[in-house]
Amino acid sequence: MNKKQIVDEVTKYLEPILAEFNYELVDVEFVKEGPTFYLRIYIDKEGGITIEDCRVTSRTIEPVLDEKDIIEPAYMLEVSSPGLDRVIKKDKDFERFNGEVVDVKLYTPINKQKTLQGELISKTDELLTICDEEGETIEIPMKNVVVVRLAILF
């Protein structure tokens, strides 16, 4: 199984389990760092995730993942919150965080910048629209977007 298939299978099994705890499955990553594979599960809930939530989730899903045995190489399971600078990937997250300030990393520069910051206005399959500090609307082709994260403002 390739990484995308593993992520899809894990997502399919975990979403109903996490829903029982009223947790949202924010993201699933299966990556290799050095010699070690990691399965990273990012969860969230109203009011935020605690260390205890991560512990309970890990202990609950570990036997399910072992039983389904969909991941061939040995791996480390990590369960955590998406953090303050969470990555925004899903359409529902773009809707949820509409009006929030985001950082957008680009493949190719726009106005000589590879990172833009602005208020999230909208997102379609083809276009991400933000409004910068000066009130200028910037339309970014989605094929030029590396990642969108919630901005951490001080």
C-alpha atoms as a PDB file:
ATOM      1  CA  MET A   1       0.000   0.000   0.000  1.00  0.00           C
ATOM      2  CA  ASN A   2       1.286   3.493  -0.772  1.00  0.00           C
ATOM      3  CA  LYS A   3       1.207   6.354   1.755  1.00  0.00           C
ATOM      4  CA  LYS A   4      -2.024   7.859   0.414  1.00  0.00           C
ATOM      5  CA  GLN A   5      -3.806   4.499   0.604  1.00  0.00           C
ATOM      6  CA  ILE A   6      -2.575   4.001   4.175  1.00  0.00           C
ATOM      7  CA  VAL A   7      -3.813   7.474   5.166  1.00  0.00           C
ATOM      8  CA  ASP A   8      -7.192   6.824   3.505  1.00  0.00           C
ATOM      9  CA  GLU A   9      -7.614   3.440   5.231  1.00  0.00           C
ATOM     10  CA  VAL A  10      -6.572   4.775   8.640  1.00  0.00           C
ATOM     11  CA  THR A  11      -8.958   7.712   8.216  1.00  0.00           C
ATOM     12  CA  LYS A  12     -11.820   5.367   7.343  1.00  0.00           C
ATOM     13  CA  TYR A  13     -11.302   3.314  10.516  1.00  0.00           C
ATOM     14  CA  LEU A  14     -10.599   6.197  12.902  1.00  0.00           C
ATOM     15  CA  GLU A  15     -13.292   8.752  12.046  1.00  0.00           C
ATOM     16  CA  PRO A  16     -16.191   6.761  13.598  1.00  0.00           C
ATOM     17  CA  ILE A  17     -14.130   5.914  16.693  1.00  0.00           C
ATOM     18  CA  LEU A  18     -13.121   9.537  17.252  1.00  0.00           C
ATOM     19  CA  ALA A  19     -16.685  10.724  16.658  1.00  0.00           C
ATOM     20  CA  GLU A  20     -17.733   8.694  19.722  1.00  0.00           C
ATOM     21  CA  PHE A  21     -15.424  10.920  21.799  1.00  0.00           C
ATOM     22  CA  ASN A  22     -16.659  14.048  19.989  1.00  0.00           C
ATOM     23  CA  TYR A  23     -13.180  14.502  18.524  1.00  0.00           C
ATOM     24  CA  GLU A  24     -12.567  15.776  15.024  1.00  0.00           C
ATOM     25  CA  LEU A  25      -9.968  13.956  12.953  1.00  0.00           C
ATOM     26  CA  VAL A  26      -8.027  16.937  11.606  1.00  0.00           C
ATOM     27  CA  ASP A  27      -5.291  15.115   9.720  1.00  0.00           C
ATOM     28  CA  VAL A  28      -3.452  11.829   9.289  1.00  0.00           C
ATOM     29  CA  GLU A  29       0.161  11.632   8.148  1.00  0.00           C
ATOM     30  CA  PHE A  30       2.270   8.592   7.388  1.00  0.00           C
ATOM     31  CA  VAL A  31       5.879   9.670   6.943  1.00  0.00           C
ATOM     32  CA  LYS A  32       9.373   8.285   7.113  1.00  0.00           C
ATOM     33  CA  GLU A  33      11.934  10.334   9.007  1.00  0.00           C
ATOM     34  CA  GLY A  34      15.368   8.767   8.914  1.00  0.00           C
ATOM     35  CA  PRO A  35      14.934   5.047   9.434  1.00  0.00           C
ATOM     36  CA  THR A  36      11.635   5.396  11.336  1.00  0.00           C
ATOM     37  CA  PHE A  37       8.059   5.510  10.030  1.00  0.00           C
ATOM     38  CA  TYR A  38       5.536   7.677  11.892  1.00  0.00           C
ATOM     39  CA  LEU A  39       1.753   7.550  11.839  1.00  0.00           C
ATOM     40  CA  ARG A  40       0.623  10.951  13.080  1.00  0.00           C
ATOM     41  CA  ILE A  41      -2.978  11.500  14.058  1.00  0.00           C
ATOM     42  CA  TYR A  42      -4.109  15.088  14.679  1.00  0.00           C
ATOM     43  CA  ILE A  43      -7.332  15.536  16.632  1.00  0.00           C
ATOM     44  CA  ASP A  44      -9.327  18.494  17.879  1.00  0.00           C
ATOM     45  CA  LYS A  45     -12.474  19.238  19.854  1.00  0.00           C
ATOM     46  CA  GLU A  46     -14.393  22.242  21.058  1.00  0.00           C
ATOM     47  CA  GLY A  47     -12.245  23.904  23.720  1.00  0.00           C
ATOM     48  CA  GLY A  48      -9.048  22.198  22.557  1.00  0.00           C
ATOM     49  CA  ILE A  49      -7.265  18.918  23.082  1.00  0.00           C
ATOM     50  CA  THR A  50      -5.486  17.902  26.297  1.00  0.00           C
ATOM     51  CA  ILE A  51      -2.666  15.441  26.869  1.00  0.00           C
ATOM     52  CA  GLU A  52      -5.224  13.106  28.437  1.00  0.00           C
ATOM     53  CA  ASP A  53      -7.331  13.270  25.253  1.00  0.00           C
ATOM     54  CA  CYS A  54      -4.257  12.242  23.247  1.00  0.00           C
ATOM     55  CA  ARG A  55      -3.465   9.398  25.657  1.00  0.00           C
ATOM     56  CA  VAL A  56      -7.032   8.055  25.570  1.00  0.00           C
ATOM     57  CA  THR A  57      -7.140   8.313  21.783  1.00  0.00           C
ATOM     58  CA  SER A  58      -3.812   6.549  21.371  1.00  0.00           C
ATOM     59  CA  ARG A  59      -4.835   3.688  23.668  1.00  0.00           C
ATOM     60  CA  THR A  60      -8.198   3.371  21.934  1.00  0.00           C
ATOM     61  CA  ILE A  61      -6.996   3.350  18.342  1.00  0.00           C
ATOM     62  CA  GLU A  62      -3.805   1.325  18.774  1.00  0.00           C
ATOM     63  CA  PRO A  63      -5.597  -2.063  19.086  1.00  0.00           C
ATOM     64  CA  VAL A  64      -7.830  -1.202  16.111  1.00  0.00           C
ATOM     65  CA  LEU A  65      -4.819  -0.380  13.937  1.00  0.00           C
ATOM     66  CA  ASP A  66      -3.077  -3.572  15.095  1.00  0.00           C
ATOM     67  CA  GLU A  67      -6.155  -5.667  14.300  1.00  0.00           C
ATOM     68  CA  LYS A  68      -6.653  -4.140  10.832  1.00  0.00           C
ATOM     69  CA  ASP A  69      -2.903  -4.541  10.140  1.00  0.00           C
ATOM     70  CA  ILE A  70      -2.908  -2.175   7.179  1.00  0.00           C
ATOM     71  CA  ILE A  71       0.577  -0.767   7.782  1.00  0.00           C
ATOM     72  CA  GLU A  72       3.337  -3.215   6.941  1.00  0.00           C
ATOM     73  CA  PRO A  73       6.499  -1.556   8.276  1.00  0.00           C
ATOM     74  CA  ALA A  74       6.939  -0.969  12.000  1.00  0.00           C
ATOM     75  CA  TYR A  75       5.932   2.585  12.917  1.00  0.00           C
ATOM     76  CA  MET A  76       5.583   4.983  15.823  1.00  0.00           C
ATOM     77  CA  LEU A  77       2.053   6.191  16.595  1.00  0.00           C
ATOM     78  CA  GLU A  78       1.760   9.847  17.579  1.00  0.00           C
ATOM     79  CA  VAL A  79      -1.508  11.525  18.564  1.00  0.00           C
ATOM     80  CA  SER A  80      -1.595  15.284  19.067  1.00  0.00           C
ATOM     81  CA  SER A  81      -3.536  18.469  18.567  1.00  0.00           C
ATOM     82  CA  PRO A  82      -3.055  20.413  15.340  1.00  0.00           C
ATOM     83  CA  GLY A  83      -1.450  23.258  17.302  1.00  0.00           C
ATOM     84  CA  LEU A  84      -1.977  27.008  17.167  1.00  0.00           C
ATOM     85  CA  ASP A  85      -0.574  27.229  13.653  1.00  0.00           C
ATOM     86  CA  ARG A  86      -2.683  24.357  12.362  1.00  0.00           C
ATOM     87  CA  VAL A  87      -2.567  23.463   8.722  1.00  0.00           C
ATOM     88  CA  ILE A  88      -5.823  24.135   6.895  1.00  0.00           C
ATOM     89  CA  LYS A  89      -6.436  21.396   4.315  1.00  0.00           C
ATOM     90  CA  LYS A  90     -10.057  20.355   4.205  1.00  0.00           C
ATOM     91  CA  ASP A  91     -12.823  22.427   2.615  1.00  0.00           C
ATOM     92  CA  LYS A  92     -14.734  22.420   5.910  1.00  0.00           C
ATOM     93  CA  ASP A  93     -11.667  23.906   7.638  1.00  0.00           C
ATOM     94  CA  PHE A  94     -11.460  26.695   5.060  1.00  0.00           C
ATOM     95  CA  GLU A  95     -15.126  27.443   5.822  1.00  0.00           C
ATOM     96  CA  ARG A  96     -14.576  27.185   9.586  1.00  0.00           C
ATOM     97  CA  PHE A  97     -11.623  29.577   9.562  1.00  0.00           C
ATOM     98  CA  ASN A  98     -13.074  32.037   7.055  1.00  0.00           C
ATOM     99  CA  GLY A  99     -12.252  35.533   8.331  1.00  0.00           C
ATOM    100  CA  GLU A 100      -9.180  34.352  10.284  1.00  0.00           C
ATOM    101  CA  VAL A 101      -5.651  35.481   9.464  1.00  0.00           C
ATOM    102  CA  VAL A 102      -3.642  32.829   7.619  1.00  0.00           C
ATOM    103  CA  ASP A 103      -0.095  32.371   6.376  1.00  0.00           C
ATOM    104  CA  VAL A 104       0.131  31.038   2.823  1.00  0.00           C
ATOM    105  CA  LYS A 105       3.365  29.452   1.585  1.00  0.00           C
ATOM    106  CA  LEU A 106       3.782  29.466  -2.200  1.00  0.00           C
ATOM    107  CA  TYR A 107       5.696  27.430  -4.757  1.00  0.00           C
ATOM    108  CA  THR A 108       6.393  30.500  -6.881  1.00  0.00           C
ATOM    109  CA  PRO A 109       6.489  34.101  -5.594  1.00  0.00           C
ATOM    110  CA  ILE A 110       3.673  36.601  -5.888  1.00  0.00           C
ATOM    111  CA  ASN A 111       4.860  40.219  -5.678  1.00  0.00           C
ATOM    112  CA  LYS A 112       8.357  38.805  -4.957  1.00  0.00           C
ATOM    113  CA  GLN A 113       7.100  36.989  -1.861  1.00  0.00           C
ATOM    114  CA  LYS A 114       6.843  33.232  -1.282  1.00  0.00           C
ATOM    115  CA  THR A 115       4.895  33.684   1.967  1.00  0.00           C
ATOM    116  CA  LEU A 116       1.777  35.818   2.206  1.00  0.00           C
ATOM    117  CA  GLN A 117      -0.378  36.692   5.189  1.00  0.00           C
ATOM    118  CA  GLY A 118      -3.959  37.854   5.147  1.00  0.00           C
ATOM    119  CA  GLU A 119      -7.537  37.309   6.158  1.00  0.00           C
ATOM    120  CA  LEU A 120      -9.014  34.187   4.608  1.00  0.00           C
ATOM    121  CA  ILE A 121     -11.815  35.278   2.287  1.00  0.00           C
ATOM    122  CA  SER A 122     -12.624  32.160   0.248  1.00  0.00           C
ATOM    123  CA  LYS A 123     -11.286  28.973  -1.285  1.00  0.00           C
ATOM    124  CA  THR A 124     -12.403  27.036  -4.334  1.00  0.00           C
ATOM    125  CA  ASP A 125     -10.732  24.087  -6.029  1.00  0.00           C
ATOM    126  CA  GLU A 126      -8.857  26.543  -8.240  1.00  0.00           C
ATOM    127  CA  LEU A 127      -8.415  29.717  -6.173  1.00  0.00           C
ATOM    128  CA  LEU A 128      -7.562  30.886  -2.652  1.00  0.00           C
ATOM    129  CA  THR A 129      -8.530  34.478  -1.851  1.00  0.00           C
ATOM    130  CA  ILE A 130      -7.074  36.476   1.033  1.00  0.00           C
ATOM    131  CA  CYS A 131      -7.133  40.143   2.023  1.00  0.00           C
ATOM    132  CA  ASP A 132      -3.771  41.564   3.158  1.00  0.00           C
ATOM    133  CA  GLU A 133      -3.069  44.236   5.825  1.00  0.00           C
ATOM    134  CA  GLU A 134      -3.512  47.046   3.294  1.00  0.00           C
ATOM    135  CA  GLY A 135      -6.957  45.771   2.348  1.00  0.00           C
ATOM    136  CA  GLU A 136      -5.777  44.437  -1.016  1.00  0.00           C
ATOM    137  CA  THR A 137      -7.496  41.281  -2.224  1.00  0.00           C
ATOM    138  CA  ILE A 138      -5.050  38.652  -3.434  1.00  0.00           C
ATOM    139  CA  GLU A 139      -6.203  35.706  -5.532  1.00  0.00           C
ATOM    140  CA  ILE A 140      -3.800  32.769  -5.459  1.00  0.00           C
ATOM    141  CA  PRO A 141      -4.095  29.770  -7.779  1.00  0.00           C
ATOM    142  CA  MET A 142      -4.378  26.641  -5.602  1.00  0.00           C
ATOM    143  CA  LYS A 143      -1.724  24.915  -7.746  1.00  0.00           C
ATOM    144  CA  ASN A 144       0.725  27.552  -6.394  1.00  0.00           C
ATOM    145  CA  VAL A 145      -0.177  26.915  -2.726  1.00  0.00           C
ATOM    146  CA  VAL A 146       2.224  24.741  -0.730  1.00  0.00           C
ATOM    147  CA  VAL A 147       0.414  25.068   2.596  1.00  0.00           C
ATOM    148  CA  VAL A 148      -2.085  27.294   4.414  1.00  0.00           C
ATOM    149  CA  ARG A 149      -1.742  27.688   8.193  1.00  0.00           C
ATOM    150  CA  LEU A 150      -3.517  29.724  10.822  1.00  0.00           C
ATOM    151  CA  ALA A 151      -1.280  32.704  11.581  1.00  0.00           C
ATOM    152  CA  ILE A 152       0.033  33.193  15.084  1.00  0.00           C
ATOM    153  CA  LEU A 153      -0.456  36.850  15.923  1.00  0.00           C
ATOM    154  CA  PHE A 154       1.154  38.582  18.879  1.00  0.00           C
END
